[in-house]
Amino acid sequence: MLARGFGCWKALVKEKKMTINDWLRAIAGFFVFVSVALGYWVHPAFFIFTAFVGLNLFQSAFTKWCPMISILRALKVSE
């Protein structure tokens, strides 16, 4: 059963390439995860970075502009 699950995941990854929105969500999720971990284990000031990422995602919902999207487009990530 477990091997079948991993096989299905491999097939899904092979069929679909990550788009610019997929990359954006992955990068934002990674930044939030790392900043929360650093805020918890290193210093609470890292929570400011978590708030920055959240605020940036919030404003991009209304303005339709995100700095990371501009960076990803410059790197020629597929739309």
PDB file of N, CA and C in Angstrom:
ATOM      1  N   MET A   1       0.826  -1.202   0.000  1.00  0.00           N
ATOM      2  CA  MET A   1       0.000   0.000   0.000  1.00  0.00           C
ATOM      3  C   MET A   1       0.864   1.258   0.000  1.00  0.00           C
ATOM      4  N   LEU A   2       1.881   1.274   0.857  1.00  0.00           N
ATOM      5  CA  LEU A   2       2.750   2.437   0.943  1.00  0.00           C
ATOM      6  C   LEU A   2       3.532   2.637  -0.348  1.00  0.00           C
ATOM      7  N   ALA A   3       4.014   1.544  -0.935  1.00  0.00           N
ATOM      8  CA  ALA A   3       4.766   1.652  -2.191  1.00  0.00           C
ATOM      9  C   ALA A   3       3.879   2.203  -3.298  1.00  0.00           C
ATOM     10  N   ARG A   4       2.621   1.799  -3.308  1.00  0.00           N
ATOM     11  CA  ARG A   4       1.690   2.307  -4.309  1.00  0.00           C
ATOM     12  C   ARG A   4       1.483   3.818  -4.139  1.00  0.00           C
ATOM     13  N   GLY A   5       1.409   4.263  -2.895  1.00  0.00           N
ATOM     14  CA  GLY A   5       1.253   5.693  -2.627  1.00  0.00           C
ATOM     15  C   GLY A   5       2.423   6.503  -3.156  1.00  0.00           C
ATOM     16  N   PHE A   6       3.646   6.028  -2.926  1.00  0.00           N
ATOM     17  CA  PHE A   6       4.816   6.724  -3.435  1.00  0.00           C
ATOM     18  C   PHE A   6       4.857   6.679  -4.957  1.00  0.00           C
ATOM     19  N   GLY A   7       4.406   5.583  -5.536  1.00  0.00           N
ATOM     20  CA  GLY A   7       4.367   5.470  -6.991  1.00  0.00           C
ATOM     21  C   GLY A   7       3.407   6.480  -7.607  1.00  0.00           C
ATOM     22  N   CYS A   8       2.272   6.671  -6.976  1.00  0.00           N
ATOM     23  CA  CYS A   8       1.298   7.658  -7.464  1.00  0.00           C
ATOM     24  C   CYS A   8       1.879   9.065  -7.377  1.00  0.00           C
ATOM     25  N   TRP A   9       2.584   9.347  -6.304  1.00  0.00           N
ATOM     26  CA  TRP A   9       3.202  10.665  -6.131  1.00  0.00           C
ATOM     27  C   TRP A   9       4.247  10.909  -7.210  1.00  0.00           C
ATOM     28  N   LYS A  10       5.078   9.883  -7.503  1.00  0.00           N
ATOM     29  CA  LYS A  10       6.104  10.021  -8.541  1.00  0.00           C
ATOM     30  C   LYS A  10       5.463  10.311  -9.897  1.00  0.00           C
ATOM     31  N   ALA A  11       4.379   9.628 -10.187  1.00  0.00           N
ATOM     32  CA  ALA A  11       3.698   9.838 -11.466  1.00  0.00           C
ATOM     33  C   ALA A  11       3.148  11.254 -11.549  1.00  0.00           C
ATOM     34  N   LEU A  12       2.602  11.762 -10.467  1.00  0.00           N
ATOM     35  CA  LEU A  12       2.057  13.114 -10.455  1.00  0.00           C
ATOM     36  C   LEU A  12       3.159  14.146 -10.674  1.00  0.00           C
ATOM     37  N   VAL A  13       4.292  13.952 -10.022  1.00  0.00           N
ATOM     38  CA  VAL A  13       5.395  14.898 -10.153  1.00  0.00           C
ATOM     39  C   VAL A  13       5.954  14.870 -11.574  1.00  0.00           C
ATOM     40  N   LYS A  14       6.025  13.711 -12.188  1.00  0.00           N
ATOM     41  CA  LYS A  14       6.542  13.617 -13.551  1.00  0.00           C
ATOM     42  C   LYS A  14       5.613  14.291 -14.551  1.00  0.00           C
ATOM     43  N   GLU A  15       4.309  14.186 -14.339  1.00  0.00           N
ATOM     44  CA  GLU A  15       3.355  14.732 -15.292  1.00  0.00           C
ATOM     45  C   GLU A  15       3.247  16.247 -15.236  1.00  0.00           C
ATOM     46  N   LYS A  16       3.393  16.834 -14.060  1.00  0.00           N
ATOM     47  CA  LYS A  16       3.128  18.257 -13.905  1.00  0.00           C
ATOM     48  C   LYS A  16       4.398  19.002 -13.500  1.00  0.00           C
ATOM     49  N   LYS A  17       4.747  20.009 -14.297  1.00  0.00           N
ATOM     50  CA  LYS A  17       5.860  20.874 -13.931  1.00  0.00           C
ATOM     51  C   LYS A  17       5.335  21.996 -13.064  1.00  0.00           C
ATOM     52  N   MET A  18       6.172  22.479 -12.165  1.00  0.00           N
ATOM     53  CA  MET A  18       5.742  23.547 -11.264  1.00  0.00           C
ATOM     54  C   MET A  18       5.623  24.863 -12.031  1.00  0.00           C
ATOM     55  N   THR A  19       4.502  25.523 -11.822  1.00  0.00           N
ATOM     56  CA  THR A  19       4.287  26.825 -12.438  1.00  0.00           C
ATOM     57  C   THR A  19       4.799  27.914 -11.494  1.00  0.00           C
ATOM     58  N   ILE A  20       4.691  29.130 -11.949  1.00  0.00           N
ATOM     59  CA  ILE A  20       5.172  30.255 -11.155  1.00  0.00           C
ATOM     60  C   ILE A  20       4.377  30.382  -9.848  1.00  0.00           C
ATOM     61  N   ASN A  21       3.072  30.109  -9.886  1.00  0.00           N
ATOM     62  CA  ASN A  21       2.260  30.153  -8.668  1.00  0.00           C
ATOM     63  C   ASN A  21       2.635  29.032  -7.700  1.00  0.00           C
ATOM     64  N   ASP A  22       2.940  27.857  -8.235  1.00  0.00           N
ATOM     65  CA  ASP A  22       3.388  26.756  -7.381  1.00  0.00           C
ATOM     66  C   ASP A  22       4.683  27.121  -6.674  1.00  0.00           C
ATOM     67  N   TRP A  23       5.610  27.705  -7.422  1.00  0.00           N
ATOM     68  CA  TRP A  23       6.886  28.131  -6.827  1.00  0.00           C
ATOM     69  C   TRP A  23       6.661  29.201  -5.764  1.00  0.00           C
ATOM     70  N   LEU A  24       5.768  30.142  -6.049  1.00  0.00           N
ATOM     71  CA  LEU A  24       5.488  31.209  -5.094  1.00  0.00           C
ATOM     72  C   LEU A  24       4.961  30.642  -3.783  1.00  0.00           C
ATOM     73  N   ARG A  25       4.015  29.734  -3.870  1.00  0.00           N
ATOM     74  CA  ARG A  25       3.459  29.128  -2.660  1.00  0.00           C
ATOM     75  C   ARG A  25       4.499  28.312  -1.912  1.00  0.00           C
ATOM     76  N   ALA A  26       5.332  27.585  -2.639  1.00  0.00           N
ATOM     77  CA  ALA A  26       6.375  26.787  -1.991  1.00  0.00           C
ATOM     78  C   ALA A  26       7.390  27.676  -1.269  1.00  0.00           C
ATOM     79  N   ILE A  27       7.802  28.751  -1.914  1.00  0.00           N
ATOM     80  CA  ILE A  27       8.785  29.655  -1.319  1.00  0.00           C
ATOM     81  C   ILE A  27       8.187  30.370  -0.106  1.00  0.00           C
ATOM     82  N   ALA A  28       6.963  30.858  -0.230  1.00  0.00           N
ATOM     83  CA  ALA A  28       6.316  31.540   0.897  1.00  0.00           C
ATOM     84  C   ALA A  28       6.121  30.577   2.072  1.00  0.00           C
ATOM     85  N   GLY A  29       5.682  29.370   1.792  1.00  0.00           N
ATOM     86  CA  GLY A  29       5.517  28.371   2.847  1.00  0.00           C
ATOM     87  C   GLY A  29       6.826  28.038   3.532  1.00  0.00           C
ATOM     88  N   PHE A  30       7.887  27.913   2.743  1.00  0.00           N
ATOM     89  CA  PHE A  30       9.210  27.631   3.302  1.00  0.00           C
ATOM     90  C   PHE A  30       9.673  28.779   4.196  1.00  0.00           C
ATOM     91  N   PHE A  31       9.511  30.014   3.719  1.00  0.00           N
ATOM     92  CA  PHE A  31       9.924  31.175   4.519  1.00  0.00           C
ATOM     93  C   PHE A  31       9.140  31.257   5.830  1.00  0.00           C
ATOM     94  N   VAL A  32       7.847  31.014   5.780  1.00  0.00           N
ATOM     95  CA  VAL A  32       7.036  31.048   7.000  1.00  0.00           C
ATOM     96  C   VAL A  32       7.478  29.948   7.952  1.00  0.00           C
ATOM     97  N   PHE A  33       7.655  28.741   7.444  1.00  0.00           N
ATOM     98  CA  PHE A  33       8.075  27.613   8.277  1.00  0.00           C
ATOM     99  C   PHE A  33       9.410  27.897   8.956  1.00  0.00           C
ATOM    100  N   VAL A  34      10.384  28.348   8.185  1.00  0.00           N
ATOM    101  CA  VAL A  34      11.718  28.613   8.737  1.00  0.00           C
ATOM    102  C   VAL A  34      11.684  29.774   9.727  1.00  0.00           C
ATOM    103  N   SER A  35      10.954  30.844   9.409  1.00  0.00           N
ATOM    104  CA  SER A  35      10.935  31.991  10.316  1.00  0.00           C
ATOM    105  C   SER A  35      10.216  31.670  11.625  1.00  0.00           C
ATOM    106  N   VAL A  36       9.171  30.846  11.572  1.00  0.00           N
ATOM    107  CA  VAL A  36       8.502  30.445  12.812  1.00  0.00           C
ATOM    108  C   VAL A  36       9.431  29.568  13.650  1.00  0.00           C
ATOM    109  N   ALA A  37      10.128  28.651  13.009  1.00  0.00           N
ATOM    110  CA  ALA A  37      11.075  27.798  13.739  1.00  0.00           C
ATOM    111  C   ALA A  37      12.186  28.634  14.362  1.00  0.00           C
ATOM    112  N   LEU A  38      12.733  29.584  13.605  1.00  0.00           N
ATOM    113  CA  LEU A  38      13.778  30.447  14.150  1.00  0.00           C
ATOM    114  C   LEU A  38      13.243  31.331  15.271  1.00  0.00           C
ATOM    115  N   GLY A  39      12.025  31.813  15.133  1.00  0.00           N
ATOM    116  CA  GLY A  39      11.418  32.626  16.181  1.00  0.00           C
ATOM    117  C   GLY A  39      11.196  31.842  17.462  1.00  0.00           C
ATOM    118  N   TYR A  40      10.889  30.582  17.312  1.00  0.00           N
ATOM    119  CA  TYR A  40      10.644  29.736  18.482  1.00  0.00           C
ATOM    120  C   TYR A  40      11.944  29.318  19.159  1.00  0.00           C
ATOM    121  N   TRP A  41      12.924  28.875  18.358  1.00  0.00           N
ATOM    122  CA  TRP A  41      14.141  28.303  18.932  1.00  0.00           C
ATOM    123  C   TRP A  41      15.314  29.266  19.040  1.00  0.00           C
ATOM    124  N   VAL A  42      15.348  30.322  18.254  1.00  0.00           N
ATOM    125  CA  VAL A  42      16.516  31.215  18.265  1.00  0.00           C
ATOM    126  C   VAL A  42      16.190  32.537  18.954  1.00  0.00           C
ATOM    127  N   HIS A  43      15.282  33.309  18.351  1.00  0.00           N
ATOM    128  CA  HIS A  43      14.959  34.624  18.922  1.00  0.00           C
ATOM    129  C   HIS A  43      13.585  35.058  18.415  1.00  0.00           C
ATOM    130  N   PRO A  44      12.759  35.592  19.284  1.00  0.00           N
ATOM    131  CA  PRO A  44      11.403  35.996  18.864  1.00  0.00           C
ATOM    132  C   PRO A  44      11.366  37.066  17.776  1.00  0.00           C
ATOM    133  N   ALA A  45      12.442  37.780  17.554  1.00  0.00           N
ATOM    134  CA  ALA A  45      12.455  38.811  16.515  1.00  0.00           C
ATOM    135  C   ALA A  45      12.268  38.217  15.115  1.00  0.00           C
ATOM    136  N   PHE A  46      12.524  36.924  14.953  1.00  0.00           N
ATOM    137  CA  PHE A  46      12.316  36.299  13.643  1.00  0.00           C
ATOM    138  C   PHE A  46      10.839  36.254  13.258  1.00  0.00           C
ATOM    139  N   PHE A  47       9.945  36.419  14.228  1.00  0.00           N
ATOM    140  CA  PHE A  47       8.516  36.453  13.911  1.00  0.00           C
ATOM    141  C   PHE A  47       8.162  37.680  13.075  1.00  0.00           C
ATOM    142  N   ILE A  48       8.994  38.691  13.089  1.00  0.00           N
ATOM    143  CA  ILE A  48       8.776  39.878  12.248  1.00  0.00           C
ATOM    144  C   ILE A  48       8.841  39.478  10.776  1.00  0.00           C
ATOM    145  N   PHE A  49       9.759  38.584  10.446  1.00  0.00           N
ATOM    146  CA  PHE A  49       9.863  38.108   9.055  1.00  0.00           C
ATOM    147  C   PHE A  49       8.615  37.333   8.659  1.00  0.00           C
ATOM    148  N   THR A  50       8.070  36.544   9.593  1.00  0.00           N
ATOM    149  CA  THR A  50       6.819  35.826   9.331  1.00  0.00           C
ATOM    150  C   THR A  50       5.698  36.821   9.011  1.00  0.00           C
ATOM    151  N   ALA A  51       5.619  37.884   9.794  1.00  0.00           N
ATOM    152  CA  ALA A  51       4.599  38.912   9.558  1.00  0.00           C
ATOM    153  C   ALA A  51       4.818  39.600   8.211  1.00  0.00           C
ATOM    154  N   PHE A  52       6.071  39.831   7.845  1.00  0.00           N
ATOM    155  CA  PHE A  52       6.378  40.456   6.554  1.00  0.00           C
ATOM    156  C   PHE A  52       5.895  39.582   5.402  1.00  0.00           C
ATOM    157  N   VAL A  53       6.153  38.294   5.480  1.00  0.00           N
ATOM    158  CA  VAL A  53       5.713  37.385   4.410  1.00  0.00           C
ATOM    159  C   VAL A  53       4.189  37.385   4.320  1.00  0.00           C
ATOM    160  N   GLY A  54       3.523  37.307   5.469  1.00  0.00           N
ATOM    161  CA  GLY A  54       2.064  37.318   5.477  1.00  0.00           C
ATOM    162  C   GLY A  54       1.492  38.612   4.931  1.00  0.00           C
ATOM    163  N   LEU A  55       2.072  39.732   5.323  1.00  0.00           N
ATOM    164  CA  LEU A  55       1.612  41.028   4.831  1.00  0.00           C
ATOM    165  C   LEU A  55       1.833  41.153   3.320  1.00  0.00           C
ATOM    166  N   ASN A  56       2.951  40.643   2.840  1.00  0.00           N
ATOM    167  CA  ASN A  56       3.231  40.689   1.409  1.00  0.00           C
ATOM    168  C   ASN A  56       2.229  39.844   0.629  1.00  0.00           C
ATOM    169  N   LEU A  57       1.899  38.662   1.136  1.00  0.00           N
ATOM    170  CA  LEU A  57       0.897  37.825   0.481  1.00  0.00           C
ATOM    171  C   LEU A  57      -0.475  38.503   0.506  1.00  0.00           C
ATOM    172  N   PHE A  58      -0.799  39.163   1.608  1.00  0.00           N
ATOM    173  CA  PHE A  58      -2.074  39.865   1.736  1.00  0.00           C
ATOM    174  C   PHE A  58      -2.176  41.011   0.731  1.00  0.00           C
ATOM    175  N   GLN A  59      -1.134  41.832   0.641  1.00  0.00           N
ATOM    176  CA  GLN A  59      -1.194  42.963  -0.293  1.00  0.00           C
ATOM    177  C   GLN A  59      -1.205  42.491  -1.734  1.00  0.00           C
ATOM    178  N   SER A  60      -0.531  41.380  -2.031  1.00  0.00           N
ATOM    179  CA  SER A  60      -0.500  40.895  -3.413  1.00  0.00           C
ATOM    180  C   SER A  60      -1.863  40.389  -3.864  1.00  0.00           C
ATOM    181  N   ALA A  61      -2.705  39.995  -2.921  1.00  0.00           N
ATOM    182  CA  ALA A  61      -4.058  39.564  -3.278  1.00  0.00           C
ATOM    183  C   ALA A  61      -4.875  40.726  -3.832  1.00  0.00           C
ATOM    184  N   PHE A  62      -4.581  41.940  -3.384  1.00  0.00           N
ATOM    185  CA  PHE A  62      -5.335  43.110  -3.823  1.00  0.00           C
ATOM    186  C   PHE A  62      -4.661  43.866  -4.963  1.00  0.00           C
ATOM    187  N   THR A  63      -3.331  43.917  -4.945  1.00  0.00           N
ATOM    188  CA  THR A  63      -2.619  44.687  -5.964  1.00  0.00           C
ATOM    189  C   THR A  63      -2.217  43.858  -7.168  1.00  0.00           C
ATOM    190  N   LYS A  64      -2.280  42.539  -7.030  1.00  0.00           N
ATOM    191  CA  LYS A  64      -1.854  41.604  -8.095  1.00  0.00           C
ATOM    192  C   LYS A  64      -0.376  41.772  -8.439  1.00  0.00           C
ATOM    193  N   TRP A  65       0.424  42.243  -7.480  1.00  0.00           N
ATOM    194  CA  TRP A  65       1.866  42.391  -7.686  1.00  0.00           C
ATOM    195  C   TRP A  65       2.590  41.807  -6.485  1.00  0.00           C
ATOM    196  N   CYS A  66       3.595  40.997  -6.757  1.00  0.00           N
ATOM    197  CA  CYS A  66       4.387  40.381  -5.698  1.00  0.00           C
ATOM    198  C   CYS A  66       5.854  40.426  -6.138  1.00  0.00           C
ATOM    199  N   PRO A  67       6.748  40.893  -5.279  1.00  0.00           N
ATOM    200  CA  PRO A  67       8.160  40.965  -5.657  1.00  0.00           C
ATOM    201  C   PRO A  67       8.741  39.602  -6.050  1.00  0.00           C
ATOM    202  N   MET A  68       8.314  38.538  -5.374  1.00  0.00           N
ATOM    203  CA  MET A  68       8.853  37.209  -5.693  1.00  0.00           C
ATOM    204  C   MET A  68       8.434  36.768  -7.087  1.00  0.00           C
ATOM    205  N   ILE A  69       7.235  37.150  -7.517  1.00  0.00           N
ATOM    206  CA  ILE A  69       6.797  36.825  -8.879  1.00  0.00           C
ATOM    207  C   ILE A  69       7.715  37.498  -9.893  1.00  0.00           C
ATOM    208  N   SER A  70       8.098  38.740  -9.629  1.00  0.00           N
ATOM    209  CA  SER A  70       9.022  39.445 -10.530  1.00  0.00           C
ATOM    210  C   SER A  70      10.367  38.727 -10.601  1.00  0.00           C
ATOM    211  N   ILE A  71      10.834  38.258  -9.470  1.00  0.00           N
ATOM    212  CA  ILE A  71      12.104  37.516  -9.433  1.00  0.00           C
ATOM    213  C   ILE A  71      11.980  36.208 -10.197  1.00  0.00           C
ATOM    214  N   LEU A  72      10.881  35.480  -9.986  1.00  0.00           N
ATOM    215  CA  LEU A  72      10.679  34.211 -10.675  1.00  0.00           C
ATOM    216  C   LEU A  72      10.541  34.403 -12.182  1.00  0.00           C
ATOM    217  N   ARG A  73       9.875  35.474 -12.591  1.00  0.00           N
ATOM    218  CA  ARG A  73       9.775  35.756 -14.038  1.00  0.00           C
ATOM    219  C   ARG A  73      11.140  36.071 -14.633  1.00  0.00           C
ATOM    220  N   ALA A  74      11.966  36.786 -13.890  1.00  0.00           N
ATOM    221  CA  ALA A  74      13.332  37.085 -14.355  1.00  0.00           C
ATOM    222  C   ALA A  74      14.152  35.805 -14.483  1.00  0.00           C
ATOM    223  N   LEU A  75      13.815  34.800 -13.662  1.00  0.00           N
ATOM    224  CA  LEU A  75      14.502  33.508 -13.732  1.00  0.00           C
ATOM    225  C   LEU A  75      13.880  32.577 -14.782  1.00  0.00           C
ATOM    226  N   LYS A  76      12.907  33.091 -15.524  1.00  0.00           N
ATOM    227  CA  LYS A  76      12.251  32.372 -16.623  1.00  0.00           C
ATOM    228  C   LYS A  76      11.480  31.133 -16.145  1.00  0.00           C
ATOM    229  N   VAL A  77      10.825  31.225 -14.991  1.00  0.00           N
ATOM    230  CA  VAL A  77       9.979  30.149 -14.509  1.00  0.00           C
ATOM    231  C   VAL A  77       8.695  30.157 -15.328  1.00  0.00           C
ATOM    232  N   SER A  78       8.207  28.979 -15.696  1.00  0.00           N
ATOM    233  CA  SER A  78       7.033  28.913 -16.571  1.00  0.00           C
ATOM    234  C   SER A  78       5.781  29.399 -15.857  1.00  0.00           C
ATOM    235  N   GLU A  79       4.948  30.093 -16.620  1.00  0.00           N
ATOM    236  CA  GLU A  79       3.700  30.636 -16.090  1.00  0.00           C
ATOM    237  C   GLU A  79       2.723  29.492 -15.940  1.00  0.00           C
TER     238      GLU A  79
END
